[in-house]
């Protein structure tokens, strides 16, 4: 499993928690930051998945 998949998933989780905390406290800035972290995490995880697929096909 590619390192990017793991880091991306962790970033997604962190973003989800930030977004929830922002909604709970009414902090729009924290909520937006959480959404951005989630999106970045999804992209990073997808890149890691693509790398894993390529590595698998090259073997």
Protein backbone atom coordinates (compact mmCIF):
# COMPACT_ATOMS: atom_id res chain seq x y z
CA UNK A 1 0.00 0.00 0.00
CA UNK A 2 1.38 3.36 -1.02
CA UNK A 3 2.28 5.88 1.68
CA UNK A 4 0.06 8.49 0.01
CA UNK A 5 -3.03 6.33 0.54
CA UNK A 6 -2.39 6.18 4.27
CA UNK A 7 -1.54 9.86 4.63
CA UNK A 8 -4.49 10.85 2.47
CA UNK A 9 -6.91 8.83 4.56
CA UNK A 10 -5.52 10.37 7.74
CA UNK A 11 -5.89 13.85 6.26
CA UNK A 12 -9.49 13.04 5.28
CA UNK A 13 -10.27 11.96 8.83
CA UNK A 14 -8.65 15.08 10.26
CA UNK A 15 -10.71 17.20 7.88
CA UNK A 16 -13.90 15.42 8.85
CA UNK A 17 -13.20 16.09 12.53
CA UNK A 18 -12.39 19.76 11.88
CA UNK A 19 -15.54 20.19 9.82
CA UNK A 20 -17.67 18.61 12.55
CA UNK A 21 -16.04 20.76 15.23
CA UNK A 22 -16.62 23.87 13.12
CA UNK A 23 -20.30 23.01 12.67
CA UNK A 24 -20.69 22.24 16.37
CA UNK A 25 -19.10 25.49 17.50
CA UNK A 26 -20.47 27.64 14.70
CA UNK A 27 -16.94 28.41 13.48
CA UNK A 28 -17.29 28.78 9.71
CA UNK A 29 -13.53 29.15 9.24
CA UNK A 30 -12.78 25.83 10.96
CA UNK A 31 -15.57 24.14 9.02
CA UNK A 32 -14.17 25.42 5.71
CA UNK A 33 -10.66 24.35 6.70
CA UNK A 34 -12.00 20.89 7.45
CA UNK A 35 -13.69 20.67 4.05
CA UNK A 36 -10.45 21.68 2.36
CA UNK A 37 -8.47 19.07 4.32
CA UNK A 38 -11.00 16.39 3.37
CA UNK A 39 -10.72 17.28 -0.31
CA UNK A 40 -6.92 17.30 -0.20
CA UNK A 41 -6.94 13.95 1.57
CA UNK A 42 -9.19 12.41 -1.06
CA UNK A 43 -6.89 13.60 -3.83
CA UNK A 44 -3.80 12.30 -2.05
CA UNK A 45 -5.43 8.93 -1.36
CA UNK A 46 -6.52 8.64 -4.99
CA UNK A 47 -2.97 9.39 -6.15
CA UNK A 48 -1.67 6.65 -3.87
CA UNK A 49 -4.25 4.22 -5.20
CA UNK A 50 -3.21 5.05 -8.76
CA UNK A 51 0.43 4.42 -7.87
CA UNK A 52 -0.51 1.05 -6.39
CA UNK A 53 -2.36 0.11 -9.57
CA UNK A 54 0.59 1.09 -11.75
CA UNK A 55 3.03 -0.79 -9.55
CA UNK A 56 0.82 -3.87 -9.73
CA UNK A 57 0.65 -3.76 -13.51
CA UNK A 58 4.40 -3.33 -13.87
CA UNK A 59 5.13 -6.49 -11.89
